[in-house]
Amino acid sequence: MRKAMLAMLALAGLGIGSLAGTGPAAAYDYPWCAQGRGYGYPGECAYRTLQQCQASVSGRLLTCGINPRAAYNQQRPSRRYQHDYYAPY
């Protein structure tokens, strides 16, 4: 009985340890978006090809559109560093 309890405790510890090691899901901006009511702008941008998007929106009263972030290749603004200049003495 004692060995069974120790085995169950060890399995529970391994299970909790494996859950603690998982990271958050990565966000991607794919080039095609499902657009329509309830999705906001630019929509659900989760499709790599137009065919994938069209297959997904079929029968859902949605359309496919180009992701504006991918179309215009918007990049995050670069950081501006402030340089402090000191006069030598």
PDB file of N, CA and C in Angstrom:
ATOM      1  N   MET A   1       0.825  -1.186   0.000  1.00  0.00           N
ATOM      2  CA  MET A   1       0.000   0.000   0.000  1.00  0.00           C
ATOM      3  C   MET A   1       0.873   1.255   0.000  1.00  0.00           C
ATOM      4  N   ARG A   2       1.943   1.198   0.783  1.00  0.00           N
ATOM      5  CA  ARG A   2       2.823   2.357   0.876  1.00  0.00           C
ATOM      6  C   ARG A   2       3.519   2.620  -0.458  1.00  0.00           C
ATOM      7  N   LYS A   3       3.914   1.540  -1.154  1.00  0.00           N
ATOM      8  CA  LYS A   3       4.570   1.692  -2.451  1.00  0.00           C
ATOM      9  C   LYS A   3       3.605   2.268  -3.484  1.00  0.00           C
ATOM     10  N   ALA A   4       2.351   1.867  -3.409  1.00  0.00           N
ATOM     11  CA  ALA A   4       1.356   2.387  -4.350  1.00  0.00           C
ATOM     12  C   ALA A   4       1.137   3.884  -4.126  1.00  0.00           C
ATOM     13  N   MET A   5       1.097   4.306  -2.874  1.00  0.00           N
ATOM     14  CA  MET A   5       0.926   5.730  -2.577  1.00  0.00           C
ATOM     15  C   MET A   5       2.132   6.543  -3.054  1.00  0.00           C
ATOM     16  N   LEU A   6       3.342   6.009  -2.866  1.00  0.00           N
ATOM     17  CA  LEU A   6       4.539   6.705  -3.330  1.00  0.00           C
ATOM     18  C   LEU A   6       4.562   6.793  -4.853  1.00  0.00           C
ATOM     19  N   ALA A   7       4.125   5.729  -5.521  1.00  0.00           N
ATOM     20  CA  ALA A   7       4.081   5.738  -6.983  1.00  0.00           C
ATOM     21  C   ALA A   7       3.076   6.774  -7.484  1.00  0.00           C
ATOM     22  N   MET A   8       1.912   6.857  -6.842  1.00  0.00           N
ATOM     23  CA  MET A   8       0.910   7.843  -7.249  1.00  0.00           C
ATOM     24  C   MET A   8       1.416   9.264  -7.002  1.00  0.00           C
ATOM     25  N   LEU A   9       2.105   9.481  -5.903  1.00  0.00           N
ATOM     26  CA  LEU A   9       2.658  10.790  -5.595  1.00  0.00           C
ATOM     27  C   LEU A   9       3.726  11.178  -6.615  1.00  0.00           C
ATOM     28  N   ALA A  10       4.555  10.222  -7.004  1.00  0.00           N
ATOM     29  CA  ALA A  10       5.589  10.492  -8.004  1.00  0.00           C
ATOM     30  C   ALA A  10       4.967  10.824  -9.354  1.00  0.00           C
ATOM     31  N   LEU A  11       3.928  10.099  -9.750  1.00  0.00           N
ATOM     32  CA  LEU A  11       3.254  10.389 -11.019  1.00  0.00           C
ATOM     33  C   LEU A  11       2.589  11.757 -11.000  1.00  0.00           C
ATOM     34  N   ALA A  12       1.995  12.122  -9.882  1.00  0.00           N
ATOM     35  CA  ALA A  12       1.373  13.439  -9.771  1.00  0.00           C
ATOM     36  C   ALA A  12       2.431  14.537  -9.869  1.00  0.00           C
ATOM     37  N   GLY A  13       3.571  14.322  -9.249  1.00  0.00           N
ATOM     38  CA  GLY A  13       4.660  15.301  -9.327  1.00  0.00           C
ATOM     39  C   GLY A  13       5.186  15.452 -10.741  1.00  0.00           C
ATOM     40  N   LEU A  14       5.305  14.340 -11.462  1.00  0.00           N
ATOM     41  CA  LEU A  14       5.747  14.413 -12.857  1.00  0.00           C
ATOM     42  C   LEU A  14       4.722  15.131 -13.721  1.00  0.00           C
ATOM     43  N   GLY A  15       3.452  14.890 -13.471  1.00  0.00           N
ATOM     44  CA  GLY A  15       2.404  15.556 -14.247  1.00  0.00           C
ATOM     45  C   GLY A  15       2.404  17.056 -14.042  1.00  0.00           C
ATOM     46  N   ILE A  16       2.543  17.474 -12.804  1.00  0.00           N
ATOM     47  CA  ILE A  16       2.580  18.911 -12.510  1.00  0.00           C
ATOM     48  C   ILE A  16       3.847  19.532 -13.084  1.00  0.00           C
ATOM     49  N   GLY A  17       4.950  18.817 -13.007  1.00  0.00           N
ATOM     50  CA  GLY A  17       6.204  19.328 -13.564  1.00  0.00           C
ATOM     51  C   GLY A  17       6.156  19.485 -15.068  1.00  0.00           C
ATOM     52  N   SER A  18       5.475  18.573 -15.753  1.00  0.00           N
ATOM     53  CA  SER A  18       5.385  18.689 -17.209  1.00  0.00           C
ATOM     54  C   SER A  18       4.488  19.850 -17.619  1.00  0.00           C
ATOM     55  N   LEU A  19       3.457  20.152 -16.837  1.00  0.00           N
ATOM     56  CA  LEU A  19       2.594  21.293 -17.146  1.00  0.00           C
ATOM     57  C   LEU A  19       3.295  22.615 -16.884  1.00  0.00           C
ATOM     58  N   ALA A  20       4.165  22.648 -15.905  1.00  0.00           N
ATOM     59  CA  ALA A  20       4.865  23.885 -15.574  1.00  0.00           C
ATOM     60  C   ALA A  20       5.872  24.256 -16.654  1.00  0.00           C
ATOM     61  N   GLY A  21       6.325  23.289 -17.451  1.00  0.00           N
ATOM     62  CA  GLY A  21       7.326  23.550 -18.473  1.00  0.00           C
ATOM     63  C   GLY A  21       6.762  24.025 -19.795  1.00  0.00           C
ATOM     64  N   THR A  22       5.457  24.089 -19.941  1.00  0.00           N
ATOM     65  CA  THR A  22       4.891  24.519 -21.212  1.00  0.00           C
ATOM     66  C   THR A  22       4.858  26.037 -21.276  1.00  0.00           C
ATOM     67  N   GLY A  23       5.128  26.574 -22.470  1.00  0.00           N
ATOM     68  CA  GLY A  23       5.131  28.018 -22.666  1.00  0.00           C
ATOM     69  C   GLY A  23       3.835  28.474 -23.298  1.00  0.00           C
ATOM     70  N   PRO A  24       3.663  29.775 -23.427  1.00  0.00           N
ATOM     71  CA  PRO A  24       2.454  30.301 -24.052  1.00  0.00           C
ATOM     72  C   PRO A  24       2.450  30.029 -25.549  1.00  0.00           C
ATOM     73  N   ALA A  25       1.286  30.044 -26.133  1.00  0.00           N
ATOM     74  CA  ALA A  25       1.171  29.833 -27.567  1.00  0.00           C
ATOM     75  C   ALA A  25       1.755  31.027 -28.308  1.00  0.00           C
ATOM     76  N   ALA A  26       2.421  30.744 -29.407  1.00  0.00           N
ATOM     77  CA  ALA A  26       3.017  31.813 -30.204  1.00  0.00           C
ATOM     78  C   ALA A  26       1.977  32.412 -31.141  1.00  0.00           C
ATOM     79  N   ALA A  27       2.030  33.700 -31.282  1.00  0.00           N
ATOM     80  CA  ALA A  27       1.097  34.384 -32.183  1.00  0.00           C
ATOM     81  C   ALA A  27       1.769  34.602 -33.530  1.00  0.00           C
ATOM     82  N   TYR A  28       1.046  34.328 -34.593  1.00  0.00           N
ATOM     83  CA  TYR A  28       1.571  34.502 -35.937  1.00  0.00           C
ATOM     84  C   TYR A  28       0.639  35.394 -36.724  1.00  0.00           C
ATOM     85  N   ASP A  29       1.202  36.139 -37.628  1.00  0.00           N
ATOM     86  CA  ASP A  29       0.420  36.931 -38.564  1.00  0.00           C
ATOM     87  C   ASP A  29       0.545  36.284 -39.930  1.00  0.00           C
ATOM     88  N   TYR A  30      -0.450  35.510 -40.295  1.00  0.00           N
ATOM     89  CA  TYR A  30      -0.449  34.868 -41.597  1.00  0.00           C
ATOM     90  C   TYR A  30      -1.022  35.827 -42.632  1.00  0.00           C
ATOM     91  N   PRO A  31      -0.724  35.608 -43.917  1.00  0.00           N
ATOM     92  CA  PRO A  31      -1.116  36.582 -44.939  1.00  0.00           C
ATOM     93  C   PRO A  31      -2.596  36.623 -45.287  1.00  0.00           C
ATOM     94  N   TRP A  32      -3.395  35.642 -44.891  1.00  0.00           N
ATOM     95  CA  TRP A  32      -4.821  35.631 -45.249  1.00  0.00           C
ATOM     96  C   TRP A  32      -5.681  35.620 -44.002  1.00  0.00           C
ATOM     97  N   CYS A  33      -6.750  36.422 -44.039  1.00  0.00           N
ATOM     98  CA  CYS A  33      -7.642  36.572 -42.888  1.00  0.00           C
ATOM     99  C   CYS A  33      -9.075  36.237 -43.271  1.00  0.00           C
ATOM    100  N   ALA A  34      -9.779  35.545 -42.367  1.00  0.00           N
ATOM    101  CA  ALA A  34     -11.220  35.349 -42.502  1.00  0.00           C
ATOM    102  C   ALA A  34     -11.876  36.598 -41.935  1.00  0.00           C
ATOM    103  N   GLN A  35     -12.680  37.268 -42.757  1.00  0.00           N
ATOM    104  CA  GLN A  35     -13.264  38.537 -42.351  1.00  0.00           C
ATOM    105  C   GLN A  35     -14.779  38.466 -42.404  1.00  0.00           C
ATOM    106  N   GLY A  36     -15.405  39.088 -41.437  1.00  0.00           N
ATOM    107  CA  GLY A  36     -16.861  39.138 -41.383  1.00  0.00           C
ATOM    108  C   GLY A  36     -17.308  39.661 -40.034  1.00  0.00           C
ATOM    109  N   ARG A  37     -18.607  39.622 -39.811  1.00  0.00           N
ATOM    110  CA  ARG A  37     -19.151  40.108 -38.543  1.00  0.00           C
ATOM    111  C   ARG A  37     -18.636  39.270 -37.383  1.00  0.00           C
ATOM    112  N   GLY A  38     -18.313  39.930 -36.320  1.00  0.00           N
ATOM    113  CA  GLY A  38     -17.877  39.234 -35.122  1.00  0.00           C
ATOM    114  C   GLY A  38     -16.381  38.984 -35.050  1.00  0.00           C
ATOM    115  N   TYR A  39     -15.631  39.300 -36.094  1.00  0.00           N
ATOM    116  CA  TYR A  39     -14.191  39.058 -36.071  1.00  0.00           C
ATOM    117  C   TYR A  39     -13.371  40.325 -35.918  1.00  0.00           C
ATOM    118  N   GLY A  40     -13.983  41.491 -36.077  1.00  0.00           N
ATOM    119  CA  GLY A  40     -13.213  42.721 -35.961  1.00  0.00           C
ATOM    120  C   GLY A  40     -12.298  42.902 -37.160  1.00  0.00           C
ATOM    121  N   TYR A  41     -11.408  43.886 -37.054  1.00  0.00           N
ATOM    122  CA  TYR A  41     -10.487  44.144 -38.154  1.00  0.00           C
ATOM    123  C   TYR A  41      -9.086  43.813 -37.698  1.00  0.00           C
ATOM    124  N   PRO A  42      -8.313  43.104 -38.417  1.00  0.00           N
ATOM    125  CA  PRO A  42      -8.456  42.630 -39.786  1.00  0.00           C
ATOM    126  C   PRO A  42      -9.145  41.285 -39.904  1.00  0.00           C
ATOM    127  N   GLY A  43      -9.526  40.660 -38.814  1.00  0.00           N
ATOM    128  CA  GLY A  43     -10.209  39.373 -38.868  1.00  0.00           C
ATOM    129  C   GLY A  43      -9.368  38.285 -38.225  1.00  0.00           C
ATOM    130  N   GLU A  44      -9.684  37.050 -38.567  1.00  0.00           N
ATOM    131  CA  GLU A  44      -8.952  35.895 -38.037  1.00  0.00           C
ATOM    132  C   GLU A  44      -7.840  35.555 -39.022  1.00  0.00           C
ATOM    133  N   CYS A  45      -6.653  36.055 -38.760  1.00  0.00           N
ATOM    134  CA  CYS A  45      -5.519  35.897 -39.684  1.00  0.00           C
ATOM    135  C   CYS A  45      -4.736  34.639 -39.315  1.00  0.00           C
ATOM    136  N   ALA A  46      -5.241  33.501 -39.756  1.00  0.00           N
ATOM    137  CA  ALA A  46      -4.640  32.226 -39.380  1.00  0.00           C
ATOM    138  C   ALA A  46      -4.411  31.322 -40.581  1.00  0.00           C
ATOM    139  N   TYR A  47      -4.311  31.891 -41.778  1.00  0.00           N
ATOM    140  CA  TYR A  47      -4.240  31.062 -42.982  1.00  0.00           C
ATOM    141  C   TYR A  47      -3.029  31.443 -43.816  1.00  0.00           C
ATOM    142  N   ARG A  48      -2.288  30.421 -44.251  1.00  0.00           N
ATOM    143  CA  ARG A  48      -1.095  30.646 -45.062  1.00  0.00           C
ATOM    144  C   ARG A  48      -1.422  30.834 -46.533  1.00  0.00           C
ATOM    145  N   THR A  49      -2.491  30.211 -47.012  1.00  0.00           N
ATOM    146  CA  THR A  49      -2.848  30.311 -48.427  1.00  0.00           C
ATOM    147  C   THR A  49      -4.303  30.746 -48.564  1.00  0.00           C
ATOM    148  N   LEU A  50      -4.608  31.285 -49.741  1.00  0.00           N
ATOM    149  CA  LEU A  50      -5.983  31.689 -50.026  1.00  0.00           C
ATOM    150  C   LEU A  50      -6.902  30.470 -50.023  1.00  0.00           C
ATOM    151  N   GLN A  51      -6.412  29.338 -50.499  1.00  0.00           N
ATOM    152  CA  GLN A  51      -7.227  28.125 -50.539  1.00  0.00           C
ATOM    153  C   GLN A  51      -7.595  27.658 -49.130  1.00  0.00           C
ATOM    154  N   GLN A  52      -6.671  27.735 -48.190  1.00  0.00           N
ATOM    155  CA  GLN A  52      -6.977  27.367 -46.806  1.00  0.00           C
ATOM    156  C   GLN A  52      -8.061  28.278 -46.244  1.00  0.00           C
ATOM    157  N   CYS A  53      -7.934  29.557 -46.509  1.00  0.00           N
ATOM    158  CA  CYS A  53      -8.913  30.522 -46.007  1.00  0.00           C
ATOM    159  C   CYS A  53     -10.283  30.262 -46.621  1.00  0.00           C
ATOM    160  N   GLN A  54     -10.329  30.044 -47.931  1.00  0.00           N
ATOM    161  CA  GLN A  54     -11.603  29.813 -48.602  1.00  0.00           C
ATOM    162  C   GLN A  54     -12.271  28.533 -48.110  1.00  0.00           C
ATOM    163  N   ALA A  55     -11.477  27.500 -47.845  1.00  0.00           N
ATOM    164  CA  ALA A  55     -12.044  26.257 -47.327  1.00  0.00           C
ATOM    165  C   ALA A  55     -12.626  26.471 -45.932  1.00  0.00           C
ATOM    166  N   SER A  56     -11.990  27.316 -45.142  1.00  0.00           N
ATOM    167  CA  SER A  56     -12.458  27.559 -43.783  1.00  0.00           C
ATOM    168  C   SER A  56     -13.722  28.414 -43.745  1.00  0.00           C
ATOM    169  N   VAL A  57     -13.810  29.416 -44.615  1.00  0.00           N
ATOM    170  CA  VAL A  57     -14.954  30.327 -44.563  1.00  0.00           C
ATOM    171  C   VAL A  57     -16.159  29.797 -45.325  1.00  0.00           C
ATOM    172  N   SER A  58     -15.994  28.710 -46.026  1.00  0.00           N
ATOM    173  CA  SER A  58     -17.085  28.156 -46.821  1.00  0.00           C
ATOM    174  C   SER A  58     -18.283  27.828 -45.932  1.00  0.00           C
ATOM    175  N   GLY A  59     -19.427  28.447 -46.213  1.00  0.00           N
ATOM    176  CA  GLY A  59     -20.648  28.187 -45.463  1.00  0.00           C
ATOM    177  C   GLY A  59     -20.774  28.958 -44.169  1.00  0.00           C
ATOM    178  N   ARG A  60     -19.872  29.888 -43.890  1.00  0.00           N
ATOM    179  CA  ARG A  60     -19.926  30.637 -42.632  1.00  0.00           C
ATOM    180  C   ARG A  60     -20.238  32.114 -42.823  1.00  0.00           C
ATOM    181  N   LEU A  61     -20.655  32.545 -43.992  1.00  0.00           N
ATOM    182  CA  LEU A  61     -20.953  33.945 -44.292  1.00  0.00           C
ATOM    183  C   LEU A  61     -19.757  34.849 -44.000  1.00  0.00           C
ATOM    184  N   LEU A  62     -18.569  34.382 -44.357  1.00  0.00           N
ATOM    185  CA  LEU A  62     -17.339  35.144 -44.195  1.00  0.00           C
ATOM    186  C   LEU A  62     -16.648  35.248 -45.545  1.00  0.00           C
ATOM    187  N   THR A  63     -15.699  36.165 -45.637  1.00  0.00           N
ATOM    188  CA  THR A  63     -14.890  36.300 -46.838  1.00  0.00           C
ATOM    189  C   THR A  63     -13.420  36.240 -46.453  1.00  0.00           C
ATOM    190  N   CYS A  64     -12.563  36.100 -47.444  1.00  0.00           N
ATOM    191  CA  CYS A  64     -11.123  36.087 -47.217  1.00  0.00           C
ATOM    192  C   CYS A  64     -10.532  37.402 -47.689  1.00  0.00           C
ATOM    193  N   GLY A  65      -9.631  37.933 -46.922  1.00  0.00           N
ATOM    194  CA  GLY A  65      -8.953  39.167 -47.292  1.00  0.00           C
ATOM    195  C   GLY A  65      -7.494  39.096 -46.913  1.00  0.00           C
ATOM    196  N   ILE A  66      -6.716  39.949 -47.535  1.00  0.00           N
ATOM    197  CA  ILE A  66      -5.282  39.988 -47.251  1.00  0.00           C
ATOM    198  C   ILE A  66      -5.061  40.651 -45.890  1.00  0.00           C
ATOM    199  N   ASN A  67      -4.174  40.082 -45.116  1.00  0.00           N
ATOM    200  CA  ASN A  67      -3.806  40.643 -43.821  1.00  0.00           C
ATOM    201  C   ASN A  67      -3.020  41.931 -44.068  1.00  0.00           C
ATOM    202  N   PRO A  68      -3.502  43.076 -43.590  1.00  0.00           N
ATOM    203  CA  PRO A  68      -2.793  44.327 -43.859  1.00  0.00           C
ATOM    204  C   PRO A  68      -1.396  44.365 -43.249  1.00  0.00           C
ATOM    205  N   ARG A  69      -1.190  43.676 -42.151  1.00  0.00           N
ATOM    206  CA  ARG A  69       0.147  43.648 -41.552  1.00  0.00           C
ATOM    207  C   ARG A  69       1.128  42.915 -42.450  1.00  0.00           C
ATOM    208  N   ALA A  70       0.664  41.845 -43.093  1.00  0.00           N
ATOM    209  CA  ALA A  70       1.537  41.093 -43.988  1.00  0.00           C
ATOM    210  C   ALA A  70       1.649  41.780 -45.344  1.00  0.00           C
ATOM    211  N   ALA A  71       0.568  42.394 -45.815  1.00  0.00           N
ATOM    212  CA  ALA A  71       0.569  43.015 -47.140  1.00  0.00           C
ATOM    213  C   ALA A  71       1.498  44.221 -47.189  1.00  0.00           C
ATOM    214  N   TYR A  72       1.473  45.024 -46.154  1.00  0.00           N
ATOM    215  CA  TYR A  72       2.292  46.230 -46.148  1.00  0.00           C
ATOM    216  C   TYR A  72       3.578  46.044 -45.364  1.00  0.00           C
ATOM    217  N   ASN A  73       3.814  44.819 -44.912  1.00  0.00           N
ATOM    218  CA  ASN A  73       5.039  44.458 -44.200  1.00  0.00           C
ATOM    219  C   ASN A  73       5.344  45.449 -43.082  1.00  0.00           C
ATOM    220  N   GLN A  74       4.334  45.714 -42.263  1.00  0.00           N
ATOM    221  CA  GLN A  74       4.523  46.628 -41.144  1.00  0.00           C
ATOM    222  C   GLN A  74       5.446  45.998 -40.129  1.00  0.00           C
ATOM    223  N   GLN A  75       6.440  46.726 -39.750  1.00  0.00           N
ATOM    224  CA  GLN A  75       7.349  46.265 -38.731  1.00  0.00           C
ATOM    225  C   GLN A  75       7.160  47.122 -37.497  1.00  0.00           C
ATOM    226  N   ARG A  76       7.543  46.569 -36.384  1.00  0.00           N
ATOM    227  CA  ARG A  76       7.454  47.339 -35.149  1.00  0.00           C
ATOM    228  C   ARG A  76       8.444  48.493 -35.212  1.00  0.00           C
ATOM    229  N   PRO A  77       8.063  49.637 -34.675  1.00  0.00           N
ATOM    230  CA  PRO A  77       9.001  50.761 -34.704  1.00  0.00           C
ATOM    231  C   PRO A  77      10.248  50.432 -33.901  1.00  0.00           C
ATOM    232  N   SER A  78      11.373  50.842 -34.441  1.00  0.00           N
ATOM    233  CA  SER A  78      12.625  50.553 -33.754  1.00  0.00           C
ATOM    234  C   SER A  78      12.762  51.464 -32.540  1.00  0.00           C
ATOM    235  N   ARG A  79      13.470  50.974 -31.582  1.00  0.00           N
ATOM    236  CA  ARG A  79      13.698  51.765 -30.377  1.00  0.00           C
ATOM    237  C   ARG A  79      14.706  52.861 -30.679  1.00  0.00           C
ATOM    238  N   ARG A  80      14.454  53.989 -30.119  1.00  0.00           N
ATOM    239  CA  ARG A  80      15.412  55.081 -30.245  1.00  0.00           C
ATOM    240  C   ARG A  80      16.185  55.164 -28.939  1.00  0.00           C
ATOM    241  N   TYR A  81      17.474  55.122 -29.088  1.00  0.00           N
ATOM    242  CA  TYR A  81      18.322  55.179 -27.913  1.00  0.00           C
ATOM    243  C   TYR A  81      18.805  56.610 -27.706  1.00  0.00           C
ATOM    244  N   GLN A  82      18.760  57.021 -26.471  1.00  0.00           N
ATOM    245  CA  GLN A  82      19.233  58.358 -26.139  1.00  0.00           C
ATOM    246  C   GLN A  82      20.693  58.243 -25.729  1.00  0.00           C
ATOM    247  N   HIS A  83      21.523  58.991 -26.413  1.00  0.00           N
ATOM    248  CA  HIS A  83      22.947  58.959 -26.104  1.00  0.00           C
ATOM    249  C   HIS A  83      23.296  60.185 -25.269  1.00  0.00           C
ATOM    250  N   ASP A  84      23.958  59.943 -24.200  1.00  0.00           N
ATOM    251  CA  ASP A  84      24.426  61.040 -23.359  1.00  0.00           C
ATOM    252  C   ASP A  84      25.875  61.336 -23.726  1.00  0.00           C
ATOM    253  N   TYR A  85      26.118  62.550 -24.139  1.00  0.00           N
ATOM    254  CA  TYR A  85      27.468  62.937 -24.515  1.00  0.00           C
ATOM    255  C   TYR A  85      28.050  63.810 -23.412  1.00  0.00           C
ATOM    256  N   TYR A  86      29.232  63.469 -23.022  1.00  0.00           N
ATOM    257  CA  TYR A  86      29.914  64.213 -21.979  1.00  0.00           C
ATOM    258  C   TYR A  86      31.178  64.836 -22.568  1.00  0.00           C
ATOM    259  N   ALA A  87      31.417  66.063 -22.198  1.00  0.00           N
ATOM    260  CA  ALA A  87      32.625  66.736 -22.658  1.00  0.00           C
ATOM    261  C   ALA A  87      33.812  66.228 -21.843  1.00  0.00           C
ATOM    262  N   PRO A  88      34.897  65.883 -22.516  1.00  0.00           N
ATOM    263  CA  PRO A  88      36.076  65.410 -21.769  1.00  0.00           C
ATOM    264  C   PRO A  88      36.727  66.566 -21.009  1.00  0.00           C
ATOM    265  N   TYR A  89      37.290  66.293 -19.864  1.00  0.00           N
ATOM    266  CA  TYR A  89      37.953  67.314 -19.055  1.00  0.00           C
ATOM    267  C   TYR A  89      39.433  67.179 -19.144  1.00  0.00           C
TER     268      TYR A  89
END
